[in-house]
Structure formats: C-alpha cells, structure tokens
Amino acid sequence: MTERKIALITGGSRGIGFSCAKELAVNGCDIIINDICDAATAQPAIDEIKALGVNAWFYQFDVSNDEQVKAAVDKMIEEHGHIDILLNNAGITKDGLFLRMDAEQWERVIKINLGSAYYVTHAVIKYMMKARQGSIINMSSIVGVHGNAGQANYSASKAGLIGLTKTLAKEFGSRNIRVNAVCPGFIQTAMTANLGNIEEYAKAIPMQRFGTPEDIAKVVKFLALDTDYVTGQAIEVAGGLML
C-alpha cells in the first residue's frame, strides 16, 4: 500500500485554508492543520477531514514565533515521519491608509503574512531536502501583484511572498522541491463579507462573481498533486479581475 502524502496547512481550521485541507484530503492526503486557536475550537475541522477517510492532526502554535514553529515541525516529523506538502496560508489584515498606518499595523501584518512563510518553510524544507521531494505553496493575493489603496502592509507582505516563491523555486528545484504561489482575488470568506455591497464589486470582475474557497483549493490541489514540472509561478485566481 502506498504511503499517503502529508500536507501541513497553516491557518487551516477555517476559510480558504480549510477548503484546501478538504480538497487535499479528498485526493488522498493526510492533513496536519495548524492554527492559533485551541484544539477544542479546531476539533470540528479535524473531525470533518477524518470523515473523508484520511488521518488529520492539529498542532497549535504561533506561526510568527520562530522557536514555536521549529519545535512544532520537529514534533510533526518525529510523530508522522514526513511532510510532503506545505501550504503557507496563515494571514491577517490590518488595513488603513498609509499615512495613518502605525508601526504596529505594519509590523504585525508583515510578520504574520510574510515572516511566517519564512519560519515554517525554513523548518520544513530541510526535511524535504532529505526526502528529495516536496511541494510548497504560498498563499499570496492579487493585491501582491497589483497593489491596493489602504492595504500597503498587506500588499507588501503578499508581494514579498511572490518574491520568496520565485527565489526558493530557483534554489531548491534541483532537489525536486517545487515552490509556487496562489494569488486569490475577491473570494467569498468572512474577510470579504465585511466589504458590504458584494454585487457592486462583482461588476468589475469579468466572470461577474466572487470566487469561492473551493476555487482556490482546486488550484492548490493541482500544484500539490497534479504536476511535477510547474515551479516559481504566481497564479492569479481572480475571475479575470485585472485583465
């Protein structure tokens, strides 16, 4: 019997991360979910994934804390043996016009959205190098490509993820480790629910609708499982918004 691949998903107990976890589980991966919430809060997500016929585990740690990340990843390897897929999905927003943005707003978003990708990838990739295989996917954003007023910190963090993606793809391609980024546009999540009149925003999208978390999950699944020769790419999943 072929051993299942194991996917680690940060910020994976809800939203886009959870949809990606389910998509990978349906396609035969065991799932490790990380989040900042406690185990009781994450348990329904774990139960739902297990119901798909795979193993699922939860590890609570702060992705912006290097020592916590290292300890957690070492424990995962000790307990499960390998991590084949890493989805750096954890992220926050603290929006505001640049002139009104204080240092805490800037630093917290950069550390969680971009810093966490460094911390988690740095901890995981040494094990992927030993295995000489792996797929790393960074959850960027369309605003990391095109910018957005009122989101200087978020845009900078997501643009940084694209730069990190392309650099790591060059550094680790010879070890059969692929690194890609996914850049969602307007997606139906709790974050975009606060935008108000969704119909008006949708008019600017050629496909005339917001995307769903499942739309993102399908692209993540493709990058993780369906291709062996795509690396260094930042794929926009935005319904043609910036055409």
Protein backbone atom coordinates (compact mmCIF):
# COMPACT_ATOMS: atom_id res chain seq x y z
CA MET A 1 0.00 0.00 0.00
CA THR A 2 1.38 3.38 -1.00
CA GLU A 3 2.04 5.70 1.92
CA ARG A 4 -0.15 8.78 1.88
CA LYS A 5 1.38 12.18 1.40
CA ILE A 6 1.12 14.51 4.37
CA ALA A 7 0.13 18.15 3.90
CA LEU A 8 0.76 20.85 6.51
CA ILE A 9 -1.60 23.81 6.23
CA THR A 10 -1.10 26.89 8.37
CA GLY A 11 -4.24 28.79 9.32
CA GLY A 12 -6.10 25.71 8.17
CA SER A 13 -9.06 25.40 10.52
CA ARG A 14 -11.36 27.73 8.55
CA GLY A 15 -11.83 29.68 5.33
CA ILE A 16 -9.58 29.09 2.35
CA GLY A 17 -7.12 27.01 4.36
CA PHE A 18 -9.83 24.58 5.47
CA SER A 19 -11.19 24.24 1.94
CA CYS A 20 -7.68 23.40 0.75
CA ALA A 21 -7.33 20.85 3.53
CA LYS A 22 -10.55 19.14 2.46
CA GLU A 23 -9.58 19.14 -1.22
CA LEU A 24 -6.23 17.52 -0.47
CA ALA A 25 -7.90 15.03 1.87
CA VAL A 26 -10.43 14.01 -0.80
CA ASN A 27 -7.45 13.33 -3.03
CA GLY A 28 -5.79 11.04 -0.53
CA CYS A 29 -3.55 13.21 1.63
CA ASP A 30 -3.28 13.03 5.38
CA ILE A 31 -3.65 16.52 6.82
CA ILE A 32 -1.87 18.49 9.52
CA ILE A 33 -3.75 21.65 10.43
CA ASN A 34 -2.08 24.47 12.28
CA ASP A 35 -3.87 27.45 13.73
CA ILE A 36 -3.61 29.89 16.61
CA CYS A 37 -6.91 28.70 18.09
CA ASP A 38 -7.08 25.97 20.73
CA ALA A 39 -7.63 22.29 20.00
CA ALA A 40 -11.29 22.35 21.03
CA THR A 41 -12.05 25.10 18.53
CA ALA A 42 -10.25 23.23 15.75
CA GLN A 43 -11.80 19.84 16.54
CA PRO A 44 -14.83 20.18 14.21
CA ALA A 45 -12.45 20.82 11.29
CA ILE A 46 -10.35 17.80 12.24
CA ASP A 47 -13.45 15.61 12.53
CA GLU A 48 -14.73 16.72 9.12
CA ILE A 49 -11.42 15.87 7.47
CA LYS A 50 -11.22 12.47 9.19
CA ALA A 51 -14.71 11.72 7.89
CA LEU A 52 -13.19 11.85 4.39
CA GLY A 53 -11.22 8.70 5.18
CA VAL A 54 -7.77 10.11 5.96
CA ASN A 55 -5.80 10.97 9.07
CA ALA A 56 -5.89 14.52 10.44
CA TRP A 57 -3.97 16.14 13.26
CA PHE A 58 -3.99 19.59 14.85
CA TYR A 59 -0.94 21.50 16.09
CA GLN A 60 -1.46 24.80 17.85
CA PHE A 61 1.44 27.23 17.51
CA ASP A 62 2.10 30.84 16.60
CA VAL A 63 3.46 30.94 13.04
CA SER A 64 5.15 34.28 13.79
CA ASN A 65 7.23 32.71 16.60
CA ASP A 66 10.34 31.04 15.20
CA GLU A 67 11.00 28.84 18.23
CA GLN A 68 7.41 27.60 18.41
CA VAL A 69 7.50 26.78 14.70
CA LYS A 70 10.76 24.83 14.92
CA ALA A 71 9.58 22.81 17.91
CA ALA A 72 6.23 22.01 16.29
CA VAL A 73 7.70 20.94 12.95
CA ASP A 74 10.30 18.72 14.64
CA LYS A 75 7.48 17.11 16.62
CA MET A 76 5.46 16.53 13.44
CA ILE A 77 8.40 14.75 11.81
CA GLU A 78 9.01 12.68 14.95
CA GLU A 79 5.35 11.63 15.11
CA HIS A 80 4.49 11.27 11.41
CA GLY A 81 7.78 10.85 9.58
CA HIS A 82 7.49 13.31 6.72
CA ILE A 83 5.83 16.46 5.36
CA ASP A 84 5.35 16.36 1.60
CA ILE A 85 3.20 19.45 1.00
CA LEU A 86 3.35 22.79 2.79
CA LEU A 87 0.67 25.43 2.32
CA ASN A 88 1.68 28.73 3.91
CA ASN A 89 -1.83 30.08 4.30
CA ALA A 90 -1.88 31.91 7.65
CA GLY A 91 -2.55 35.62 7.27
CA ILE A 92 -4.24 38.70 8.71
CA THR A 93 -5.23 42.20 7.63
CA LYS A 94 -4.86 45.49 9.46
CA ASP A 95 -5.97 47.90 6.75
CA GLY A 96 -5.60 51.64 6.70
CA LEU A 97 -4.31 54.47 4.54
CA PHE A 98 -0.51 54.58 4.62
CA LEU A 99 -0.22 57.99 6.30
CA ARG A 100 -2.46 56.77 9.13
CA MET A 101 -0.84 53.35 9.44
CA ASP A 102 1.17 52.96 12.63
CA ALA A 103 4.22 50.75 13.08
CA GLU A 104 2.27 48.02 14.89
CA GLN A 105 -0.17 47.67 11.96
CA TRP A 106 2.73 47.41 9.55
CA GLU A 107 4.94 45.06 11.56
CA ARG A 108 2.22 42.63 12.66
CA VAL A 109 0.93 42.04 9.13
CA ILE A 110 4.43 41.65 7.69
CA LYS A 111 5.47 39.24 10.45
CA ILE A 112 2.41 37.00 10.23
CA ASN A 113 1.82 37.04 6.47
CA LEU A 114 5.44 37.05 5.26
CA GLY A 115 7.54 36.20 8.30
CA SER A 116 5.56 33.05 8.99
CA ALA A 117 6.29 31.73 5.49
CA TYR A 118 9.99 32.11 6.25
CA TYR A 119 9.74 30.46 9.67
CA VAL A 120 7.62 27.49 8.59
CA THR A 121 9.36 26.91 5.27
CA HIS A 122 12.78 27.16 6.91
CA ALA A 123 11.77 24.48 9.41
CA VAL A 124 10.12 22.15 6.88
CA ILE A 125 12.41 22.40 3.88
CA LYS A 126 15.39 20.64 5.48
CA TYR A 127 13.23 17.52 5.75
CA MET A 128 12.03 17.90 2.15
CA MET A 129 15.67 18.18 1.06
CA LYS A 130 16.47 14.87 2.75
CA ALA A 131 13.50 13.29 1.01
CA ARG A 132 14.46 15.00 -2.27
CA GLN A 133 10.86 15.93 -2.96
CA GLY A 134 8.21 18.38 -1.85
CA SER A 135 5.68 21.00 -2.88
CA ILE A 136 5.47 24.37 -1.15
CA ILE A 137 2.58 26.71 -1.91
CA ASN A 138 2.42 30.26 -0.63
CA MET A 139 -0.97 31.94 -0.37
CA SER A 140 -0.34 35.38 -1.83
CA SER A 141 -3.01 37.71 -3.23
CA ILE A 142 -3.85 39.63 -6.35
CA VAL A 143 -3.01 42.80 -4.39
CA GLY A 144 0.54 41.46 -4.06
CA VAL A 145 0.78 41.79 -7.85
CA HIS A 146 -1.26 44.94 -8.45
CA GLY A 147 -1.40 46.76 -5.08
CA ASN A 148 -4.47 48.20 -3.39
CA ALA A 149 -5.12 51.53 -1.71
CA GLY A 150 -5.49 51.17 2.04
CA GLN A 151 -3.52 47.92 2.15
CA ALA A 152 0.14 48.93 1.98
CA ASN A 153 1.12 46.43 4.67
CA TYR A 154 -0.97 43.56 3.25
CA SER A 155 0.11 44.25 -0.34
CA ALA A 156 3.76 44.40 0.67
CA SER A 157 3.51 41.13 2.58
CA LYS A 158 1.81 39.35 -0.31
CA ALA A 159 4.27 40.77 -2.87
CA GLY A 160 7.05 39.51 -0.61
CA LEU A 161 5.59 36.03 -0.79
CA ILE A 162 5.83 36.11 -4.57
CA GLY A 163 9.48 37.14 -4.42
CA LEU A 164 10.15 34.40 -1.87
CA THR A 165 8.37 31.87 -4.08
CA LYS A 166 10.44 32.63 -7.14
CA THR A 167 13.73 32.65 -5.24
CA LEU A 168 13.10 29.35 -3.46
CA ALA A 169 11.98 27.76 -6.72
CA LYS A 170 15.41 28.59 -8.13
CA GLU A 171 17.31 27.46 -5.03
CA PHE A 172 15.55 24.13 -4.48
CA GLY A 173 14.44 22.97 -7.93
CA SER A 174 17.48 20.69 -8.22
CA ARG A 175 16.25 18.89 -5.08
CA ASN A 176 12.88 18.20 -6.71
CA ILE A 177 11.16 20.73 -4.45
CA ARG A 178 8.64 22.91 -6.24
CA VAL A 179 7.56 26.30 -4.88
CA ASN A 180 4.56 28.20 -6.21
CA ALA A 181 2.18 30.94 -5.12
CA VAL A 182 -1.57 31.32 -5.48
CA CYS A 183 -2.97 34.84 -5.77
CA PRO A 184 -6.70 34.98 -4.96
CA GLY A 185 -8.87 37.90 -5.96
CA PHE A 186 -12.25 38.54 -4.34
CA ILE A 187 -13.18 35.29 -2.59
CA GLN A 188 -16.30 34.62 -0.52
CA THR A 189 -14.89 34.45 3.01
CA ALA A 190 -15.52 36.06 6.38
CA MET A 191 -12.90 38.65 5.43
CA THR A 192 -14.71 39.81 2.27
CA ALA A 193 -18.14 39.62 3.94
CA ASN A 194 -17.26 42.96 5.55
CA LEU A 195 -16.98 44.67 2.16
CA GLY A 196 -20.68 45.43 2.04
CA ASN A 197 -22.23 45.56 -1.43
CA ILE A 198 -20.67 42.47 -2.99
CA GLU A 199 -22.77 42.84 -6.16
CA GLU A 200 -21.13 46.17 -6.95
CA TYR A 201 -17.63 44.74 -6.54
CA ALA A 202 -18.58 41.76 -8.69
CA LYS A 203 -19.44 44.05 -11.62
CA ALA A 204 -15.72 44.77 -12.05
CA ILE A 205 -14.96 41.06 -12.47
CA PRO A 206 -15.32 39.63 -16.00
CA MET A 207 -16.85 36.44 -14.57
CA GLN A 208 -19.36 38.62 -12.66
CA ARG A 209 -18.97 36.83 -9.33
CA PHE A 210 -16.69 36.41 -6.36
CA GLY A 211 -14.68 33.22 -6.24
CA THR A 212 -15.21 30.54 -3.63
CA PRO A 213 -12.67 28.93 -1.30
CA GLU A 214 -13.17 25.79 -3.38
CA ASP A 215 -11.94 27.65 -6.47
CA ILE A 216 -8.67 28.31 -4.65
CA ALA A 217 -8.49 24.77 -3.29
CA LYS A 218 -8.63 23.28 -6.78
CA VAL A 219 -5.57 25.29 -7.85
CA VAL A 220 -3.72 24.31 -4.67
CA LYS A 221 -4.53 20.66 -5.35
CA PHE A 222 -3.20 20.99 -8.90
CA LEU A 223 0.07 22.50 -7.71
CA ALA A 224 0.45 19.99 -4.88
CA LEU A 225 -0.54 16.77 -6.61
CA ASP A 226 -1.15 17.05 -10.35
CA THR A 227 2.06 18.48 -11.74
CA ASP A 228 5.74 17.69 -11.36
CA TYR A 229 7.07 20.46 -13.60
CA VAL A 230 5.45 23.72 -12.51
CA THR A 231 7.52 25.85 -10.16
CA GLY A 232 8.19 29.51 -9.46
CA GLN A 233 4.73 30.57 -10.61
CA ALA A 234 2.28 33.07 -9.08
CA ILE A 235 -1.14 32.01 -10.34
CA GLU A 236 -3.92 34.61 -10.17
CA VAL A 237 -7.31 33.11 -9.32
CA ALA A 238 -9.50 36.19 -9.68
CA GLY A 239 -12.07 35.65 -12.41
CA GLY A 240 -10.13 37.90 -14.76
CA LEU A 241 -10.31 40.91 -12.41
CA MET A 242 -7.07 42.56 -13.54
CA LEU A 243 -7.24 41.81 -17.26
